[in-house]
């Protein structure tokens, strides 16, 4: 199976009050990282994850670990600097 090294960037924003919520980043069903959102609710952060994935179609998923603490949104997804055709679906060629 041919794998390709790629850089996936996206913005994460969280609306919350009180304790800092956590989120997990998945590509397909593979857990890439788990983080705690420590920034103010009016801030957005840019995540950068390096993946090694087979050629083909893949899906980015951000899972809220603490849904009772806040709500996450993901925007501006780019794979190697290029926006994918689908919002969270991207193609590695």
N, C-alpha and C. Protein backbone atom coordinates (compact mmCIF):
# COMPACT_ATOMS: atom_id res chain seq x y z
N UNK A 1 0.84 -1.17 0.00
CA UNK A 1 0.00 0.00 0.00
C UNK A 1 0.90 1.24 0.00
N UNK A 2 0.65 2.12 -0.93
CA UNK A 2 1.43 3.34 -1.06
C UNK A 2 0.90 4.40 -0.09
N UNK A 3 1.78 4.92 0.77
CA UNK A 3 1.42 5.96 1.73
C UNK A 3 2.03 7.28 1.30
N UNK A 4 1.34 8.36 1.62
CA UNK A 4 1.86 9.68 1.33
C UNK A 4 1.84 10.54 2.57
N UNK A 5 2.91 11.29 2.76
CA UNK A 5 3.07 12.23 3.87
C UNK A 5 2.34 13.52 3.46
N UNK A 6 1.47 14.04 4.33
CA UNK A 6 0.71 15.25 4.01
C UNK A 6 0.51 16.11 5.25
N UNK A 7 0.33 17.41 5.03
CA UNK A 7 0.09 18.35 6.11
C UNK A 7 -1.37 18.79 6.05
N UNK A 8 -2.08 18.56 7.13
CA UNK A 8 -3.50 18.92 7.23
C UNK A 8 -3.62 20.07 8.22
N UNK A 9 -4.18 21.20 7.76
CA UNK A 9 -4.38 22.37 8.62
C UNK A 9 -5.86 22.70 8.67
N UNK A 10 -6.31 23.15 9.84
CA UNK A 10 -7.70 23.55 9.99
C UNK A 10 -7.85 24.41 11.23
N UNK A 11 -8.88 25.24 11.26
CA UNK A 11 -9.17 26.11 12.39
C UNK A 11 -10.15 25.42 13.33
N UNK A 12 -9.89 25.51 14.62
CA UNK A 12 -10.77 24.96 15.65
C UNK A 12 -11.25 26.12 16.52
N UNK A 13 -12.56 26.16 16.73
CA UNK A 13 -13.15 27.16 17.62
C UNK A 13 -14.06 26.43 18.59
N UNK A 14 -14.13 26.93 19.82
CA UNK A 14 -14.99 26.31 20.83
C UNK A 14 -15.78 27.37 21.58
N UNK A 15 -17.08 27.15 21.67
CA UNK A 15 -17.95 27.98 22.49
C UNK A 15 -18.14 27.25 23.81
N UNK A 16 -17.70 27.87 24.92
CA UNK A 16 -17.83 27.21 26.21
C UNK A 16 -17.80 28.23 27.33
N UNK A 17 -18.23 27.79 28.49
CA UNK A 17 -18.14 28.56 29.74
C UNK A 17 -17.64 27.59 30.80
N UNK A 18 -16.78 28.07 31.69
CA UNK A 18 -16.30 27.21 32.77
C UNK A 18 -15.08 26.41 32.38
N UNK A 19 -15.10 25.11 32.69
CA UNK A 19 -13.94 24.24 32.45
C UNK A 19 -13.59 24.14 30.97
N UNK A 20 -12.32 23.93 30.70
CA UNK A 20 -11.85 23.81 29.32
C UNK A 20 -12.21 22.45 28.75
N UNK A 21 -12.94 22.42 27.64
CA UNK A 21 -13.31 21.14 27.02
C UNK A 21 -12.15 20.54 26.22
N UNK A 22 -12.22 19.24 26.00
CA UNK A 22 -11.22 18.51 25.22
C UNK A 22 -11.82 18.07 23.90
N UNK A 23 -10.94 17.91 22.90
CA UNK A 23 -11.39 17.39 21.62
C UNK A 23 -10.36 16.41 21.07
N UNK A 24 -10.84 15.51 20.23
CA UNK A 24 -9.98 14.53 19.57
C UNK A 24 -10.04 14.76 18.07
N UNK A 25 -8.90 14.60 17.42
CA UNK A 25 -8.81 14.74 15.97
C UNK A 25 -8.59 13.36 15.37
N UNK A 26 -9.46 12.98 14.45
CA UNK A 26 -9.36 11.70 13.75
C UNK A 26 -9.21 11.95 12.25
N UNK A 27 -8.45 11.09 11.59
CA UNK A 27 -8.49 10.98 10.15
C UNK A 27 -8.97 9.56 9.89
N UNK A 28 -10.11 9.49 9.22
CA UNK A 28 -10.84 8.23 9.10
C UNK A 28 -11.14 7.75 10.52
N UNK A 29 -10.74 6.56 10.90
CA UNK A 29 -10.97 6.08 12.26
C UNK A 29 -9.71 6.09 13.12
N UNK A 30 -8.66 6.74 12.62
CA UNK A 30 -7.38 6.79 13.33
C UNK A 30 -7.29 8.04 14.19
N UNK A 31 -7.11 7.84 15.49
CA UNK A 31 -6.93 8.96 16.41
C UNK A 31 -5.56 9.59 16.17
N UNK A 32 -5.56 10.89 15.87
CA UNK A 32 -4.31 11.61 15.61
C UNK A 32 -3.82 12.28 16.89
N UNK A 33 -4.73 12.96 17.60
CA UNK A 33 -4.35 13.66 18.82
C UNK A 33 -5.58 13.98 19.66
N UNK A 34 -5.35 14.23 20.94
CA UNK A 34 -6.40 14.74 21.83
C UNK A 34 -5.83 15.99 22.50
N UNK A 35 -6.62 17.04 22.51
CA UNK A 35 -6.15 18.31 23.06
C UNK A 35 -7.22 18.91 23.97
N UNK A 36 -6.76 19.79 24.87
CA UNK A 36 -7.65 20.59 25.70
C UNK A 36 -7.67 21.99 25.11
N UNK A 37 -8.87 22.55 24.90
CA UNK A 37 -9.00 23.89 24.36
C UNK A 37 -8.81 24.87 25.51
N UNK A 38 -7.64 25.53 25.55
CA UNK A 38 -7.29 26.39 26.69
C UNK A 38 -7.42 27.88 26.36
N UNK A 39 -7.88 28.19 25.16
CA UNK A 39 -7.98 29.57 24.74
C UNK A 39 -9.36 30.14 25.06
N UNK A 40 -9.47 31.46 24.99
CA UNK A 40 -10.77 32.10 25.24
C UNK A 40 -11.77 31.69 24.17
N UNK A 41 -13.05 31.77 24.51
CA UNK A 41 -14.10 31.34 23.59
C UNK A 41 -14.19 32.23 22.35
N UNK A 42 -13.62 33.44 22.40
CA UNK A 42 -13.65 34.32 21.22
C UNK A 42 -12.41 34.12 20.33
N UNK A 43 -11.59 33.12 20.64
CA UNK A 43 -10.39 32.84 19.85
C UNK A 43 -10.56 31.56 19.03
N UNK A 44 -9.86 31.55 17.92
CA UNK A 44 -9.82 30.39 17.04
C UNK A 44 -8.36 29.99 16.94
N UNK A 45 -8.07 28.69 16.92
CA UNK A 45 -6.68 28.25 16.78
C UNK A 45 -6.53 27.47 15.47
N UNK A 46 -5.33 27.51 14.92
CA UNK A 46 -5.04 26.73 13.72
C UNK A 46 -4.30 25.47 14.15
N UNK A 47 -4.92 24.34 13.87
CA UNK A 47 -4.30 23.03 14.12
C UNK A 47 -3.49 22.64 12.89
N UNK A 48 -2.35 22.06 13.10
CA UNK A 48 -1.55 21.47 12.03
C UNK A 48 -1.22 20.05 12.44
N UNK A 49 -1.63 19.09 11.63
CA UNK A 49 -1.30 17.70 11.90
C UNK A 49 -0.64 17.12 10.65
N UNK A 50 0.38 16.36 10.89
CA UNK A 50 1.08 15.67 9.80
C UNK A 50 0.56 14.24 9.78
N UNK A 51 0.12 13.83 8.61
CA UNK A 51 -0.44 12.47 8.49
C UNK A 51 0.35 11.69 7.44
N UNK A 52 0.28 10.42 7.59
CA UNK A 52 0.83 9.50 6.60
C UNK A 52 -0.34 8.57 6.27
N UNK A 53 -0.88 8.72 5.07
CA UNK A 53 -2.11 8.00 4.74
C UNK A 53 -2.02 7.45 3.32
N UNK A 54 -2.78 6.39 3.06
CA UNK A 54 -2.79 5.84 1.70
C UNK A 54 -3.47 6.79 0.72
N UNK A 55 -3.10 6.66 -0.52
CA UNK A 55 -3.73 7.44 -1.58
C UNK A 55 -5.22 7.09 -1.60
N UNK A 56 -6.05 8.12 -1.73
CA UNK A 56 -7.50 7.91 -1.75
C UNK A 56 -8.23 8.98 -0.97
N UNK A 57 -9.49 8.73 -0.70
CA UNK A 57 -10.37 9.67 -0.02
C UNK A 57 -10.35 9.41 1.48
N UNK A 58 -10.28 10.50 2.25
CA UNK A 58 -10.21 10.40 3.70
C UNK A 58 -11.14 11.44 4.33
N UNK A 59 -11.46 11.23 5.61
CA UNK A 59 -12.37 12.12 6.31
C UNK A 59 -11.73 12.61 7.61
N UNK A 60 -11.78 13.93 7.81
CA UNK A 60 -11.36 14.56 9.05
C UNK A 60 -12.56 14.62 9.98
N UNK A 61 -12.34 14.26 11.24
CA UNK A 61 -13.41 14.34 12.24
C UNK A 61 -12.84 14.89 13.53
N UNK A 62 -13.53 15.87 14.09
CA UNK A 62 -13.16 16.42 15.39
C UNK A 62 -14.28 16.02 16.35
N UNK A 63 -13.91 15.27 17.38
CA UNK A 63 -14.89 14.74 18.35
C UNK A 63 -14.78 15.51 19.65
N UNK A 64 -15.90 15.94 20.14
CA UNK A 64 -15.97 16.64 21.42
C UNK A 64 -15.96 15.59 22.53
N UNK A 65 -14.92 15.58 23.36
CA UNK A 65 -14.79 14.60 24.43
C UNK A 65 -15.72 14.95 25.59
N UNK A 66 -15.96 16.24 25.80
CA UNK A 66 -16.79 16.73 26.91
C UNK A 66 -17.98 17.54 26.37
N UNK A 67 -18.97 16.89 25.74
CA UNK A 67 -20.06 17.64 25.09
C UNK A 67 -20.85 18.54 26.04
N UNK A 68 -20.83 18.24 27.34
CA UNK A 68 -21.56 19.08 28.29
C UNK A 68 -20.81 20.38 28.60
N UNK A 69 -19.54 20.48 28.17
CA UNK A 69 -18.73 21.67 28.47
C UNK A 69 -18.70 22.69 27.34
N UNK A 70 -18.98 22.29 26.10
CA UNK A 70 -18.90 23.25 25.00
C UNK A 70 -19.18 22.62 23.66
N UNK A 71 -19.11 23.46 22.62
CA UNK A 71 -19.37 23.04 21.24
C UNK A 71 -18.21 23.46 20.36
N UNK A 72 -17.71 22.53 19.55
CA UNK A 72 -16.58 22.81 18.66
C UNK A 72 -17.06 22.99 17.23
N UNK A 73 -16.37 23.87 16.49
CA UNK A 73 -16.56 24.00 15.05
C UNK A 73 -15.19 23.92 14.39
N UNK A 74 -15.18 23.45 13.14
CA UNK A 74 -13.96 23.32 12.36
C UNK A 74 -14.18 24.02 11.03
N UNK A 75 -13.22 24.85 10.63
CA UNK A 75 -13.30 25.60 9.37
C UNK A 75 -11.94 25.63 8.70
N UNK A 76 -11.93 26.13 7.47
CA UNK A 76 -10.69 26.42 6.72
C UNK A 76 -9.75 25.22 6.64
N UNK A 77 -10.30 24.08 6.28
CA UNK A 77 -9.49 22.86 6.15
C UNK A 77 -8.64 22.96 4.89
N UNK A 78 -7.35 22.63 5.03
CA UNK A 78 -6.44 22.63 3.89
C UNK A 78 -5.51 21.42 3.99
N UNK A 79 -5.34 20.76 2.87
CA UNK A 79 -4.40 19.65 2.76
C UNK A 79 -3.26 20.12 1.89
N UNK A 80 -2.07 20.19 2.45
CA UNK A 80 -0.90 20.71 1.73
C UNK A 80 -1.19 22.07 1.10
N UNK A 81 -1.93 22.92 1.85
CA UNK A 81 -2.23 24.28 1.41
C UNK A 81 -3.40 24.43 0.46
N UNK A 82 -4.08 23.34 0.13
CA UNK A 82 -5.20 23.39 -0.83
C UNK A 82 -6.49 22.99 -0.13
N UNK A 83 -7.55 23.78 -0.34
CA UNK A 83 -8.85 23.45 0.24
C UNK A 83 -9.43 22.23 -0.43
N UNK A 84 -9.99 21.30 0.34
CA UNK A 84 -10.59 20.10 -0.25
C UNK A 84 -11.93 20.42 -0.91
N UNK A 85 -12.38 19.52 -1.76
CA UNK A 85 -13.66 19.70 -2.44
C UNK A 85 -14.82 19.62 -1.46
N UNK A 86 -14.74 18.69 -0.50
CA UNK A 86 -15.76 18.57 0.53
C UNK A 86 -15.26 19.21 1.81
N UNK A 87 -16.16 19.61 2.70
CA UNK A 87 -15.75 20.33 3.89
C UNK A 87 -14.79 19.52 4.76
N UNK A 88 -15.13 18.27 5.05
CA UNK A 88 -14.25 17.46 5.89
C UNK A 88 -13.72 16.23 5.15
N UNK A 89 -14.02 16.13 3.88
CA UNK A 89 -13.54 15.02 3.04
C UNK A 89 -12.39 15.54 2.19
N UNK A 90 -11.29 14.82 2.16
CA UNK A 90 -10.16 15.26 1.34
C UNK A 90 -9.56 14.07 0.62
N UNK A 91 -8.87 14.38 -0.47
CA UNK A 91 -8.30 13.36 -1.35
C UNK A 91 -6.78 13.45 -1.30
N UNK A 92 -6.13 12.33 -1.05
CA UNK A 92 -4.68 12.25 -1.13
C UNK A 92 -4.35 11.55 -2.45
N UNK A 93 -3.58 12.24 -3.27
CA UNK A 93 -3.24 11.69 -4.60
C UNK A 93 -1.76 11.39 -4.69
